[in-house]
Amino acid sequence: MVKIKSFNLPARQLAALDFGCGIGHLTRALAPHFDKCLGLDISAEMIEKARELNQEMDNCKFVVSCETLETLPDNHFDLVYANVVLQHAPKRKMIKRYLADFGRIIKKEGVIVFQLPSHIPFKDRLWSGFRSYNFIPEKEMVEYLQSLNLKVLSVENDNGFSSPGVVSRIYYVGRTI
C-alpha cells in the first residue's frame, strides 16, 4: 500500500479486487484498508479454503471466477491486484483480455497493480512437461496498456520472482479517462 499511496491513488478505498486470490492471504491483508474486498480464483478448492480461513473477515467475499470478468461492474474497484497469476493463462490473448477487464472495472482514480514476467527462457516455459507459463515483453505490455487508455505509473523489477533467466515486472497502472 505504501508504493500505491506514493501515486496518491486510489483516491478512495472502498473496494478492492484480489484477482487469483488463492486461499485469501492478500485479500485478508487488504481488508483493513478497504470497505469491501473481493477475492476471485479459478479454483473452487482454493475459494472454499479462503472462506474457511477468513470467516471472521466481514468485509471479504470469495468467489470462484471463470475465464472472464464480464459479470463485474464497470468503474467499481479502487484497487485491482494480481500477483503470480497472469502468467498461468495459456495464451497472451487471455492475459490481455484480463487486463482490458481490469481497465474497465477500475475507477477513474483507482490503481491496477499486477505482476507478469516479461521474459521466460524457452526451456522454462513448460513446467513438469504439462503446465505452460506465459509472458509479455515489457515494451509490448506498456504499448497495450496505453492502447486501453491506461496510464503506466511505474514498472519495477520483481525481485521476489526468483527463477534463473526469468525477468518479471510489477506494473502500477491508472486510468487516463
Protein backbone atom coordinates (compact mmCIF):
# COMPACT_ATOMS: atom_id res chain seq x y z
CA MET A 1 0.00 0.00 0.00
CA VAL A 2 2.95 2.35 0.60
CA LYS A 3 4.03 2.24 -3.05
CA ILE A 4 0.45 2.69 -4.26
CA LYS A 5 -0.10 5.67 -1.98
CA SER A 6 3.03 7.32 -3.38
CA PHE A 7 0.95 7.92 -6.54
CA ASN A 8 -1.83 9.47 -4.44
CA LEU A 9 -4.03 6.61 -5.56
CA PRO A 10 -6.53 5.25 -5.07
CA ALA A 11 -8.45 8.39 -4.28
CA ARG A 12 -10.85 6.38 -2.13
CA GLN A 13 -10.56 2.97 -0.56
CA LEU A 14 -13.99 1.49 -0.94
CA ALA A 15 -13.50 -1.69 -2.99
CA ALA A 16 -10.52 -3.90 -3.80
CA LEU A 17 -10.24 -6.92 -6.08
CA ASP A 18 -7.63 -9.62 -5.41
CA PHE A 19 -7.52 -11.49 -8.72
CA GLY A 20 -6.18 -15.02 -8.31
CA CYS A 21 -6.57 -14.83 -4.53
CA GLY A 22 -5.79 -18.46 -3.72
CA ILE A 23 -6.63 -19.01 -0.05
CA GLY A 24 -7.07 -15.29 0.57
CA HIS A 25 -3.89 -14.16 2.34
CA LEU A 26 -3.64 -10.90 0.41
CA THR A 27 -7.39 -10.30 0.42
CA ARG A 28 -7.20 -10.51 4.20
CA ALA A 29 -4.26 -8.06 4.26
CA LEU A 30 -6.24 -5.59 2.13
CA ALA A 31 -9.31 -5.79 4.39
CA PRO A 32 -8.21 -3.15 6.94
CA HIS A 33 -7.61 -0.68 4.10
CA PHE A 34 -10.85 -1.12 2.10
CA ASP A 35 -14.54 -1.21 2.93
CA LYS A 36 -15.05 -4.28 0.73
CA CYS A 37 -12.59 -6.83 -0.67
CA LEU A 38 -13.39 -9.39 -3.32
CA GLY A 39 -11.12 -12.38 -3.80
CA LEU A 40 -11.50 -14.25 -7.10
CA ASP A 41 -9.87 -17.53 -8.01
CA ILE A 42 -10.49 -20.13 -10.69
CA SER A 43 -10.09 -22.96 -8.16
CA ALA A 44 -13.19 -23.92 -6.19
CA GLU A 45 -10.97 -25.67 -3.65
CA MET A 46 -8.94 -22.50 -3.04
CA ILE A 47 -12.08 -20.41 -2.64
CA GLU A 48 -13.55 -22.94 -0.20
CA LYS A 49 -10.35 -22.76 1.88
CA ALA A 50 -10.29 -18.92 1.65
CA ARG A 51 -13.83 -18.79 3.01
CA GLU A 52 -12.92 -21.16 5.82
CA LEU A 53 -9.75 -19.27 6.81
CA ASN A 54 -11.35 -15.82 6.61
CA GLN A 55 -14.78 -16.40 8.16
CA GLU A 56 -14.34 -13.53 10.62
CA MET A 57 -13.49 -11.01 7.88
CA ASP A 58 -16.90 -9.40 7.35
CA ASN A 59 -15.71 -7.18 4.51
CA CYS A 60 -14.13 -10.02 2.47
CA LYS A 61 -16.03 -12.08 -0.08
CA PHE A 62 -14.54 -15.00 -2.03
CA VAL A 63 -15.93 -16.14 -5.38
CA VAL A 64 -15.00 -18.77 -7.93
CA SER A 65 -14.20 -16.97 -11.19
CA CYS A 66 -14.37 -18.34 -14.68
CA GLU A 67 -12.24 -17.17 -17.58
CA THR A 68 -13.87 -13.75 -17.93
CA LEU A 69 -14.69 -10.88 -15.63
CA GLU A 70 -17.68 -9.62 -17.58
CA THR A 71 -20.02 -10.04 -14.61
CA LEU A 72 -18.08 -7.44 -12.61
CA PRO A 73 -19.44 -3.88 -12.84
CA ASP A 74 -17.65 -1.06 -14.70
CA ASN A 75 -15.84 1.62 -12.67
CA HIS A 76 -16.30 -0.30 -9.43
CA PHE A 77 -12.91 -1.05 -7.84
CA ASP A 78 -10.42 1.35 -6.29
CA LEU A 79 -7.69 -1.31 -6.47
CA VAL A 80 -7.25 -4.34 -8.71
CA TYR A 81 -4.34 -6.55 -7.68
CA ALA A 82 -2.97 -9.66 -9.43
CA ASN A 83 0.24 -11.32 -8.30
CA VAL A 84 1.75 -14.53 -9.70
CA VAL A 85 -1.42 -15.39 -11.58
CA LEU A 86 -1.48 -13.91 -15.11
CA GLN A 87 1.49 -15.97 -16.31
CA HIS A 88 -0.64 -19.08 -15.86
CA ALA A 89 -3.04 -18.01 -18.62
CA PRO A 90 -2.38 -20.32 -21.57
CA LYS A 91 -2.37 -17.55 -24.19
CA ARG A 92 -1.27 -13.92 -24.28
CA LYS A 93 -4.67 -13.07 -25.68
CA MET A 94 -6.26 -14.21 -22.42
CA ILE A 95 -3.82 -12.13 -20.34
CA LYS A 96 -4.69 -9.10 -22.45
CA ARG A 97 -8.41 -9.77 -22.05
CA TYR A 98 -7.99 -9.82 -18.26
CA LEU A 99 -6.06 -6.55 -18.40
CA ALA A 100 -8.76 -4.95 -20.56
CA ASP A 101 -11.32 -6.06 -17.96
CA PHE A 102 -9.14 -4.61 -15.19
CA GLY A 103 -9.18 -1.30 -17.06
CA ARG A 104 -12.96 -1.47 -17.37
CA ILE A 105 -13.70 -2.31 -13.73
CA ILE A 106 -11.23 0.12 -12.12
CA LYS A 107 -12.48 3.54 -11.07
CA LYS A 108 -11.01 6.60 -12.74
CA GLU A 109 -8.90 7.41 -9.68
CA GLY A 110 -8.13 3.78 -8.91
CA VAL A 111 -4.99 1.75 -9.47
CA ILE A 112 -4.17 -1.61 -11.01
CA VAL A 113 -1.15 -3.48 -9.70
CA PHE A 114 -0.07 -6.67 -11.41
CA GLN A 115 3.00 -8.84 -11.78
CA LEU A 116 3.89 -10.52 -15.05
CA PRO A 117 7.08 -11.98 -16.46
CA SER A 118 8.45 -10.03 -19.41
CA HIS A 119 10.78 -12.85 -20.44
CA ILE A 120 10.90 -16.59 -19.75
CA PRO A 121 13.66 -18.68 -21.35
CA PHE A 122 12.25 -21.23 -23.78
CA LYS A 123 13.42 -24.17 -21.65
CA ASP A 124 11.44 -22.84 -18.67
CA ARG A 125 8.13 -22.25 -20.42
CA LEU A 126 6.87 -25.72 -19.58
CA TRP A 127 6.73 -26.89 -16.01
CA SER A 128 6.79 -30.64 -15.36
CA GLY A 129 6.07 -31.09 -19.05
CA PHE A 130 2.40 -30.14 -18.84
CA ARG A 131 1.86 -26.66 -17.45
CA SER A 132 2.94 -23.71 -19.52
CA TYR A 133 3.98 -20.30 -18.29
CA ASN A 134 3.35 -17.19 -20.32
CA PHE A 135 4.90 -13.75 -20.53
CA ILE A 136 4.57 -10.48 -22.41
CA PRO A 137 7.65 -8.36 -23.15
CA GLU A 138 7.62 -5.08 -21.22
CA LYS A 139 7.54 -2.84 -24.32
CA GLU A 140 4.57 -4.75 -25.74
CA MET A 141 2.80 -4.62 -22.38
CA VAL A 142 3.26 -0.86 -21.96
CA GLU A 143 2.00 -0.22 -25.51
CA TYR A 144 -1.00 -2.47 -24.91
CA LEU A 145 -1.91 -0.74 -21.64
CA GLN A 146 -1.66 2.65 -23.35
CA SER A 147 -3.94 1.41 -26.14
CA LEU A 148 -6.55 0.75 -23.43
CA ASN A 149 -6.34 4.40 -22.28
CA LEU A 150 -4.46 3.30 -19.19
CA LYS A 151 -1.52 5.23 -17.78
CA VAL A 152 1.57 3.29 -16.73
CA LEU A 153 2.60 4.92 -13.46
CA SER A 154 5.63 2.72 -12.83
CA VAL A 155 7.24 -0.54 -13.93
CA GLU A 156 9.59 -2.20 -11.48
CA ASN A 157 11.72 -5.31 -11.37
CA ASP A 158 10.00 -8.07 -9.47
CA ASN A 159 12.81 -9.10 -7.16
CA GLY A 160 10.54 -11.61 -5.45
CA PHE A 161 10.35 -13.74 -8.57
CA SER A 162 13.39 -15.95 -8.28
CA SER A 163 13.83 -18.23 -11.24
CA PRO A 164 17.09 -18.10 -13.23
CA GLY A 165 16.70 -16.33 -16.57
CA VAL A 166 13.13 -15.19 -15.88
CA VAL A 167 12.60 -11.44 -15.97
CA SER A 168 9.48 -10.36 -14.13
CA ARG A 169 7.92 -6.93 -13.72
CA ILE A 170 5.42 -5.27 -11.42
CA TYR A 171 3.20 -2.77 -13.19
CA TYR A 172 1.39 0.12 -11.48
CA VAL A 173 -1.35 1.42 -13.74
CA GLY A 174 -4.04 4.12 -13.54
CA ARG A 175 -6.80 5.27 -15.89
CA THR A 176 -6.39 8.24 -18.17
CA ILE A 177 -10.11 8.77 -18.77
